[in-house]
C-alpha atoms as a PDB file:
ATOM      1  CA  UNK A   1      21.600 -36.455   7.256  1.00  0.00           C
ATOM      2  CA  UNK A   2      17.973 -36.811   6.117  1.00  0.00           C
ATOM      3  CA  UNK A   3      17.115 -38.842   9.230  1.00  0.00           C
ATOM      4  CA  UNK A   4      18.686 -36.209  11.446  1.00  0.00           C
ATOM      5  CA  UNK A   5      16.714 -33.411   9.797  1.00  0.00           C
ATOM      6  CA  UNK A   6      13.481 -35.426   9.998  1.00  0.00           C
ATOM      7  CA  UNK A   7      14.004 -36.098  13.698  1.00  0.00           C
ATOM      8  CA  UNK A   8      14.782 -32.447  14.311  1.00  0.00           C
ATOM      9  CA  UNK A   9      11.646 -31.368  12.447  1.00  0.00           C
ATOM     10  CA  UNK A  10       9.600 -33.736  14.608  1.00  0.00           C
ATOM     11  CA  UNK A  11      10.893 -31.919  17.686  1.00  0.00           C
ATOM     12  CA  UNK A  12       9.876 -28.476  16.385  1.00  0.00           C
ATOM     13  CA  UNK A  13       6.296 -28.633  17.597  1.00  0.00           C
ATOM     14  CA  UNK A  14       7.319 -29.560  21.128  1.00  0.00           C
ATOM     15  CA  UNK A  15      10.412 -27.408  21.614  1.00  0.00           C
ATOM     16  CA  UNK A  16       9.947 -24.480  19.234  1.00  0.00           C
ATOM     17  CA  UNK A  17       9.753 -21.151  21.018  1.00  0.00           C
ATOM     18  CA  UNK A  18       7.898 -18.731  18.820  1.00  0.00           C
ATOM     19  CA  UNK A  19       8.896 -15.570  20.661  1.00  0.00           C
ATOM     20  CA  UNK A  20      12.591 -16.478  20.547  1.00  0.00           C
ATOM     21  CA  UNK A  21      12.244 -17.295  16.875  1.00  0.00           C
ATOM     22  CA  UNK A  22      10.630 -13.929  16.250  1.00  0.00           C
ATOM     23  CA  UNK A  23      13.305 -12.174  18.302  1.00  0.00           C
ATOM     24  CA  UNK A  24      16.378 -13.799  16.736  1.00  0.00           C
ATOM     25  CA  UNK A  25      14.983 -14.567  13.297  1.00  0.00           C
ATOM     26  CA  UNK A  26      15.807 -18.299  13.495  1.00  0.00           C
ATOM     27  CA  UNK A  27      15.229 -21.296  15.768  1.00  0.00           C
ATOM     28  CA  UNK A  28      17.834 -23.275  17.739  1.00  0.00           C
ATOM     29  CA  UNK A  29      16.932 -26.289  15.635  1.00  0.00           C
ATOM     30  CA  UNK A  30      17.642 -24.367  12.440  1.00  0.00           C
ATOM     31  CA  UNK A  31      20.982 -23.265  13.855  1.00  0.00           C
ATOM     32  CA  UNK A  32      21.939 -26.830  14.740  1.00  0.00           C
ATOM     33  CA  UNK A  33      20.834 -28.171  11.349  1.00  0.00           C
ATOM     34  CA  UNK A  34      23.125 -25.669   9.663  1.00  0.00           C
ATOM     35  CA  UNK A  35      26.005 -26.581  11.988  1.00  0.00           C
ATOM     36  CA  UNK A  36      25.388 -30.277  11.326  1.00  0.00           C
ATOM     37  CA  UNK A  37      25.306 -29.681   7.565  1.00  0.00           C
ATOM     38  CA  UNK A  38      28.603 -27.806   7.725  1.00  0.00           C
ATOM     39  CA  UNK A  39      30.121 -30.587   9.854  1.00  0.00           C
ATOM     40  CA  UNK A  40      28.840 -33.218   7.430  1.00  0.00           C
ATOM     41  CA  UNK A  41      30.405 -31.455   4.452  1.00  0.00           C
ATOM     42  CA  UNK A  42      33.732 -30.960   6.217  1.00  0.00           C
ATOM     43  CA  UNK A  43      33.746 -34.552   7.498  1.00  0.00           C
ATOM     44  CA  UNK A  44      33.077 -36.022   4.061  1.00  0.00           C
ATOM     45  CA  UNK A  45      35.791 -33.913   2.483  1.00  0.00           C
ATOM     46  CA  UNK A  46      38.295 -34.727   5.240  1.00  0.00           C
ATOM     47  CA  UNK A  47      37.582 -38.475   5.162  1.00  0.00           C
ATOM     48  CA  UNK A  48      38.023 -38.606   1.403  1.00  0.00           C
ATOM     49  CA  UNK A  49      41.386 -36.867   1.752  1.00  0.00           C
ATOM     50  CA  UNK A  50      42.479 -39.277   4.501  1.00  0.00           C
ATOM     51  CA  UNK A  51      41.304 -42.242   2.465  1.00  0.00           C
ATOM     52  CA  UNK A  52      43.344 -41.091  -0.501  1.00  0.00           C
ATOM     53  CA  UNK A  53      46.422 -40.593   1.682  1.00  0.00           C
ATOM     54  CA  UNK A  54      46.153 -44.068   3.227  1.00  0.00           C
ATOM     55  CA  UNK A  55      45.606 -45.734  -0.137  1.00  0.00           C
ATOM     56  CA  UNK A  56      48.591 -43.903  -1.578  1.00  0.00           C
ATOM     57  CA  UNK A  57      50.838 -44.820   1.353  1.00  0.00           C
ATOM     58  CA  UNK A  58      49.801 -48.497   1.402  1.00  0.00           C
ATOM     59  CA  UNK A  59      49.728 -49.072  -2.354  1.00  0.00           C
ATOM     60  CA  UNK A  60      53.472 -49.952  -2.673  1.00  0.00           C
ATOM     61  CA  UNK A  61      53.175 -52.646   0.008  1.00  0.00           C
ATOM     62  CA  UNK A  62      49.878 -54.126  -1.226  1.00  0.00           C
ATOM     63  CA  UNK A  63      49.909 -55.581  -4.764  1.00  0.00           C
ATOM     64  CA  UNK A  64      46.087 -55.837  -4.886  1.00  0.00           C
ATOM     65  CA  UNK A  65      45.231 -52.149  -5.282  1.00  0.00           C
ATOM     66  CA  UNK A  66      41.499 -52.658  -5.960  1.00  0.00           C
ATOM     67  CA  UNK A  67      41.031 -54.654  -2.777  1.00  0.00           C
ATOM     68  CA  UNK A  68      42.934 -52.001  -0.851  1.00  0.00           C
ATOM     69  CA  UNK A  69      40.686 -49.215  -2.145  1.00  0.00           C
ATOM     70  CA  UNK A  70      37.578 -51.268  -1.327  1.00  0.00           C
ATOM     71  CA  UNK A  71      38.753 -51.917   2.221  1.00  0.00           C
ATOM     72  CA  UNK A  72      39.722 -48.272   2.636  1.00  0.00           C
ATOM     73  CA  UNK A  73      36.274 -47.137   1.470  1.00  0.00           C
ATOM     74  CA  UNK A  74      34.560 -49.567   3.853  1.00  0.00           C
ATOM     75  CA  UNK A  75      36.692 -48.328   6.772  1.00  0.00           C
ATOM     76  CA  UNK A  76      35.979 -44.741   5.787  1.00  0.00           C
ATOM     77  CA  UNK A  77      32.227 -45.376   5.831  1.00  0.00           C
ATOM     78  CA  UNK A  78      32.412 -47.020   9.252  1.00  0.00           C
ATOM     79  CA  UNK A  79      34.434 -44.106  10.607  1.00  0.00           C
ATOM     80  CA  UNK A  80      31.974 -41.660   9.072  1.00  0.00           C
ATOM     81  CA  UNK A  81      28.998 -43.385  10.714  1.00  0.00           C
ATOM     82  CA  UNK A  82      30.794 -43.463  14.062  1.00  0.00           C
ATOM     83  CA  UNK A  83      31.706 -39.778  13.934  1.00  0.00           C
ATOM     84  CA  UNK A  84      28.207 -38.821  12.810  1.00  0.00           C
ATOM     85  CA  UNK A  85      26.630 -40.663  15.734  1.00  0.00           C
ATOM     86  CA  UNK A  86      29.039 -39.014  18.157  1.00  0.00           C
ATOM     87  CA  UNK A  87      28.375 -35.583  16.746  1.00  0.00           C
ATOM     88  CA  UNK A  88      24.628 -36.229  16.795  1.00  0.00           C
ATOM     89  CA  UNK A  89      24.787 -36.822  20.558  1.00  0.00           C
ATOM     90  CA  UNK A  90      26.928 -33.747  21.012  1.00  0.00           C
ATOM     91  CA  UNK A  91      24.571 -31.685  18.860  1.00  0.00           C
ATOM     92  CA  UNK A  92      21.670 -32.626  21.135  1.00  0.00           C
ATOM     93  CA  UNK A  93      23.597 -31.316  24.129  1.00  0.00           C
ATOM     94  CA  UNK A  94      24.617 -28.223  22.190  1.00  0.00           C
ATOM     95  CA  UNK A  95      21.001 -27.558  21.235  1.00  0.00           C
ATOM     96  CA  UNK A  96      19.878 -27.888  24.850  1.00  0.00           C
ATOM     97  CA  UNK A  97      22.609 -25.475  25.903  1.00  0.00           C
ATOM     98  CA  UNK A  98      21.669 -23.004  23.178  1.00  0.00           C
ATOM     99  CA  UNK A  99      17.970 -23.140  24.019  1.00  0.00           C
ATOM    100  CA  UNK A 100      18.456 -22.711  27.764  1.00  0.00           C
ATOM    101  CA  UNK A 101      21.439 -20.344  27.945  1.00  0.00           C
ATOM    102  CA  UNK A 102      22.021 -18.575  24.636  1.00  0.00           C
ATOM    103  CA  UNK A 103      18.845 -18.347  22.573  1.00  0.00           C
ATOM    104  CA  UNK A 104      16.443 -17.919  25.471  1.00  0.00           C
ATOM    105  CA  UNK A 105      14.718 -14.537  25.731  1.00  0.00           C
ATOM    106  CA  UNK A 106      14.124 -13.403  29.341  1.00  0.00           C
ATOM    107  CA  UNK A 107      10.604 -12.514  30.360  1.00  0.00           C
ATOM    108  CA  UNK A 108      11.534  -8.835  30.794  1.00  0.00           C
ATOM    109  CA  UNK A 109      12.768  -8.492  27.198  1.00  0.00           C
ATOM    110  CA  UNK A 110      10.315  -7.384  24.532  1.00  0.00           C
ATOM    111  CA  UNK A 111      10.538  -7.017  20.807  1.00  0.00           C
ATOM    112  CA  UNK A 112      10.523  -3.446  19.482  1.00  0.00           C
ATOM    113  CA  UNK A 113       7.065  -4.082  18.026  1.00  0.00           C
ATOM    114  CA  UNK A 114       5.785  -5.086  21.472  1.00  0.00           C
ATOM    115  CA  UNK A 115       7.168  -2.086  23.362  1.00  0.00           C
ATOM    116  CA  UNK A 116       3.971  -0.004  22.874  1.00  0.00           C
ATOM    117  CA  UNK A 117       1.969  -2.783  24.568  1.00  0.00           C
ATOM    118  CA  UNK A 118       4.051  -2.343  27.711  1.00  0.00           C
ATOM    119  CA  UNK A 119       3.935   1.446  27.533  1.00  0.00           C
ATOM    120  CA  UNK A 120       0.212   1.605  26.789  1.00  0.00           C
ATOM    121  CA  UNK A 121      -1.463  -1.502  28.245  1.00  0.00           C
ATOM    122  CA  UNK A 122      -5.016  -1.847  26.977  1.00  0.00           C
ATOM    123  CA  UNK A 123      -7.781  -4.333  27.645  1.00  0.00           C
ATOM    124  CA  UNK A 124      -9.789  -5.933  24.874  1.00  0.00           C
ATOM    125  CA  UNK A 125     -12.759  -3.623  25.482  1.00  0.00           C
ATOM    126  CA  UNK A 126     -10.560  -0.541  25.276  1.00  0.00           C
ATOM    127  CA  UNK A 127      -8.960  -1.841  22.096  1.00  0.00           C
ATOM    128  CA  UNK A 128     -12.354  -2.421  20.500  1.00  0.00           C
ATOM    129  CA  UNK A 129     -13.425   1.058  21.541  1.00  0.00           C
ATOM    130  CA  UNK A 130     -10.318   2.530  19.942  1.00  0.00           C
ATOM    131  CA  UNK A 131     -10.983   0.605  16.744  1.00  0.00           C
ATOM    132  CA  UNK A 132     -14.576   1.912  16.649  1.00  0.00           C
ATOM    133  CA  UNK A 133     -13.349   5.460  17.230  1.00  0.00           C
ATOM    134  CA  UNK A 134     -10.805   5.029  14.466  1.00  0.00           C
ATOM    135  CA  UNK A 135     -13.502   3.795  12.079  1.00  0.00           C
ATOM    136  CA  UNK A 136     -15.700   6.803  12.939  1.00  0.00           C
ATOM    137  CA  UNK A 137     -12.807   9.197  12.395  1.00  0.00           C
ATOM    138  CA  UNK A 138     -12.077   7.612   9.034  1.00  0.00           C
ATOM    139  CA  UNK A 139     -15.728   8.006   8.039  1.00  0.00           C
ATOM    140  CA  UNK A 140     -15.726  11.665   9.126  1.00  0.00           C
ATOM    141  CA  UNK A 141     -12.507  12.210   7.199  1.00  0.00           C
ATOM    142  CA  UNK A 142     -14.052  10.734   4.052  1.00  0.00           C
ATOM    143  CA  UNK A 143     -17.135  12.962   4.461  1.00  0.00           C
ATOM    144  CA  UNK A 144     -14.974  16.048   4.940  1.00  0.00           C
ATOM    145  CA  UNK A 145     -12.939  15.112   1.892  1.00  0.00           C
ATOM    146  CA  UNK A 146     -16.099  14.823  -0.220  1.00  0.00           C
ATOM    147  CA  UNK A 147     -17.373  18.161   1.127  1.00  0.00           C
ATOM    148  CA  UNK A 148     -14.038  19.796   0.353  1.00  0.00           C
ATOM    149  CA  UNK A 149     -14.138  18.473  -3.198  1.00  0.00           C
ATOM    150  CA  UNK A 150     -17.686  19.820  -3.618  1.00  0.00           C
ATOM    151  CA  UNK A 151     -16.610  23.234  -2.301  1.00  0.00           C
ATOM    152  CA  UNK A 152     -13.653  23.288  -4.663  1.00  0.00           C
ATOM    153  CA  UNK A 153     -15.963  22.483  -7.593  1.00  0.00           C
ATOM    154  CA  UNK A 154     -18.365  25.253  -6.555  1.00  0.00           C
ATOM    155  CA  UNK A 155     -15.461  27.675  -6.180  1.00  0.00           C
ATOM    156  CA  UNK A 156     -14.328  26.813  -9.692  1.00  0.00           C
ATOM    157  CA  UNK A 157     -17.833  27.557 -11.001  1.00  0.00           C
ATOM    158  CA  UNK A 158     -17.840  30.874  -9.146  1.00  0.00           C
ATOM    159  CA  UNK A 159     -14.516  31.732 -10.753  1.00  0.00           C
ATOM    160  CA  UNK A 160     -15.998  31.068 -14.198  1.00  0.00           C
ATOM    161  CA  UNK A 161     -19.012  33.271 -13.402  1.00  0.00           C
ATOM    162  CA  UNK A 162     -16.711  35.973 -12.062  1.00  0.00           C
ATOM    163  CA  UNK A 163     -14.719  35.908 -15.289  1.00  0.00           C
ATOM    164  CA  UNK A 164     -17.942  36.299 -17.281  1.00  0.00           C
ATOM    165  CA  UNK A 165     -19.065  39.213 -15.089  1.00  0.00           C
ATOM    166  CA  UNK A 166     -15.679  40.862 -15.466  1.00  0.00           C
ATOM    167  CA  UNK A 167     -16.038  40.533 -19.225  1.00  0.00           C
ATOM    168  CA  UNK A 168     -19.491  42.145 -19.118  1.00  0.00           C
ATOM    169  CA  UNK A 169     -18.226  45.004 -16.960  1.00  0.00           C
ATOM    170  CA  UNK A 170     -15.333  45.543 -19.355  1.00  0.00           C
ATOM    171  CA  UNK A 171     -17.744  45.612 -22.282  1.00  0.00           C
ATOM    172  CA  UNK A 172     -20.034  48.092 -20.494  1.00  0.00           C
ATOM    173  CA  UNK A 173     -17.058  50.310 -19.668  1.00  0.00           C
ATOM    174  CA  UNK A 174     -15.927  50.312 -23.286  1.00  0.00           C
ATOM    175  CA  UNK A 175     -19.493  51.046 -24.447  1.00  0.00           C
ATOM    176  CA  UNK A 176     -19.800  53.915 -21.997  1.00  0.00           C
ATOM    177  CA  UNK A 177     -16.496  55.364 -23.190  1.00  0.00           C
ATOM    178  CA  UNK A 178     -17.663  55.225 -26.823  1.00  0.00           C
ATOM    179  CA  UNK A 179     -21.025  56.745 -25.840  1.00  0.00           C
ATOM    180  CA  UNK A 180     -19.356  59.668 -24.116  1.00  0.00           C
ATOM    181  CA  UNK A 181     -16.901  60.082 -26.971  1.00  0.00           C
ATOM    182  CA  UNK A 182     -19.814  60.463 -29.438  1.00  0.00           C
ATOM    183  CA  UNK A 183     -21.457  63.021 -27.107  1.00  0.00           C
ATOM    184  CA  UNK A 184     -24.578  60.925 -26.741  1.00  0.00           C
ATOM    185  CA  UNK A 185     -25.069  61.677 -23.066  1.00  0.00           C
ATOM    186  CA  UNK A 186     -24.997  59.216 -20.273  1.00  0.00           C
ATOM    187  CA  UNK A 187     -25.864  55.608 -20.874  1.00  0.00           C
ATOM    188  CA  UNK A 188     -28.705  55.420 -18.286  1.00  0.00           C
ATOM    189  CA  UNK A 189     -30.392  58.508 -19.745  1.00  0.00           C
ATOM    190  CA  UNK A 190     -29.997  57.201 -23.271  1.00  0.00           C
ATOM    191  CA  UNK A 191     -31.398  53.826 -22.265  1.00  0.00           C
ATOM    192  CA  UNK A 192     -34.367  55.592 -20.671  1.00  0.00           C
ATOM    193  CA  UNK A 193     -35.021  57.471 -23.892  1.00  0.00           C
ATOM    194  CA  UNK A 194     -34.726  54.308 -25.922  1.00  0.00           C
ATOM    195  CA  UNK A 195     -37.177  52.528 -23.616  1.00  0.00           C
ATOM    196  CA  UNK A 196     -39.700  55.364 -23.969  1.00  0.00           C
ATOM    197  CA  UNK A 197     -39.355  55.225 -27.740  1.00  0.00           C
ATOM    198  CA  UNK A 198     -39.848  51.473 -27.690  1.00  0.00           C
ATOM    199  CA  UNK A 199     -42.996  51.862 -25.569  1.00  0.00           C
ATOM    200  CA  UNK A 200     -44.371  54.475 -28.001  1.00  0.00           C
ATOM    201  CA  UNK A 201     -43.641  52.183 -30.927  1.00  0.00           C
ATOM    202  CA  UNK A 202     -45.351  49.294 -29.151  1.00  0.00           C
ATOM    203  CA  UNK A 203     -48.410  51.508 -28.500  1.00  0.00           C
ATOM    204  CA  UNK A 204     -48.506  52.676 -32.121  1.00  0.00           C
ATOM    205  CA  UNK A 205     -48.206  49.111 -33.391  1.00  0.00           C
ATOM    206  CA  UNK A 206     -51.023  48.046 -31.088  1.00  0.00           C
ATOM    207  CA  UNK A 207     -53.229  50.927 -32.282  1.00  0.00           C
ATOM    208  CA  UNK A 208     -52.547  50.145 -35.924  1.00  0.00           C
ATOM    209  CA  UNK A 209     -53.303  46.475 -35.319  1.00  0.00           C
ATOM    210  CA  UNK A 210     -56.646  47.312 -33.689  1.00  0.00           C
ATOM    211  CA  UNK A 211     -57.615  49.660 -36.527  1.00  0.00           C
ATOM    212  CA  UNK A 212     -56.653  47.031 -39.052  1.00  0.00           C
ATOM    213  CA  UNK A 213     -58.795  44.456 -37.316  1.00  0.00           C
ATOM    214  CA  UNK A 214     -61.706  46.951 -37.379  1.00  0.00           C
ATOM    215  CA  UNK A 215     -61.280  47.588 -41.077  1.00  0.00           C
ATOM    216  CA  UNK A 216     -61.109  43.893 -41.779  1.00  0.00           C
ATOM    217  CA  UNK A 217     -64.376  43.432 -39.895  1.00  0.00           C
ATOM    218  CA  UNK A 218     -66.126  46.186 -41.850  1.00  0.00           C
ATOM    219  CA  UNK A 219     -64.899  44.808 -45.138  1.00  0.00           C
ATOM    220  CA  UNK A 220     -66.112  41.355 -44.286  1.00  0.00           C
ATOM    221  CA  UNK A 221     -69.603  42.675 -43.367  1.00  0.00           C
ATOM    222  CA  UNK A 222     -69.877  44.726 -46.612  1.00  0.00           C
ATOM    223  CA  UNK A 223     -68.913  41.754 -48.700  1.00  0.00           C
ATOM    224  CA  UNK A 224     -71.555  39.621 -47.036  1.00  0.00           C
ATOM    225  CA  UNK A 225     -74.361  42.104 -47.850  1.00  0.00           C
END
């Protein structure tokens, strides 16, 4: 069995058809190895059964039972070798038949993965051009994705600012309502009055500061004399 498998493996490089293997999912050699293994198992089991039957039938007529079993085993081994050699020759013919008539893919048959190549035949230059275009499109897509993320971040910031502005407007509306409720006039007019008062206070403070500086100067001169 091991010699048969080794010889079959040696033939793989010369007779293996890669496209047929891809199409069917197995090679003719693999198929025949499995058939041979099944035959070997069945043959061994059958020969052991036959050997037991012969030994049982001949035991009453042969007083030397051990010698009978030894001869039966030797005959069984010879028969096994003979049948294996015969089947090995037949398996070679079967493999040739399978390769040429059963497991051979015609030239007009394509795998499903190869159908687009027939429908859209492309040269190497065109394929390289398509790959370059695809790379450029992927780069543009990445740039657009980054830009979209930046816009989404900016939009989120604008939403935060809008919420703050809405809060300020709400506060101003509430302040205006309280102002009108207290009969303090309009807010713009009141703010204008407050600003005028602040300016007058700033002017008065500035005048007082200048007079104070003048008094400090006079006092310092009198003390020196």
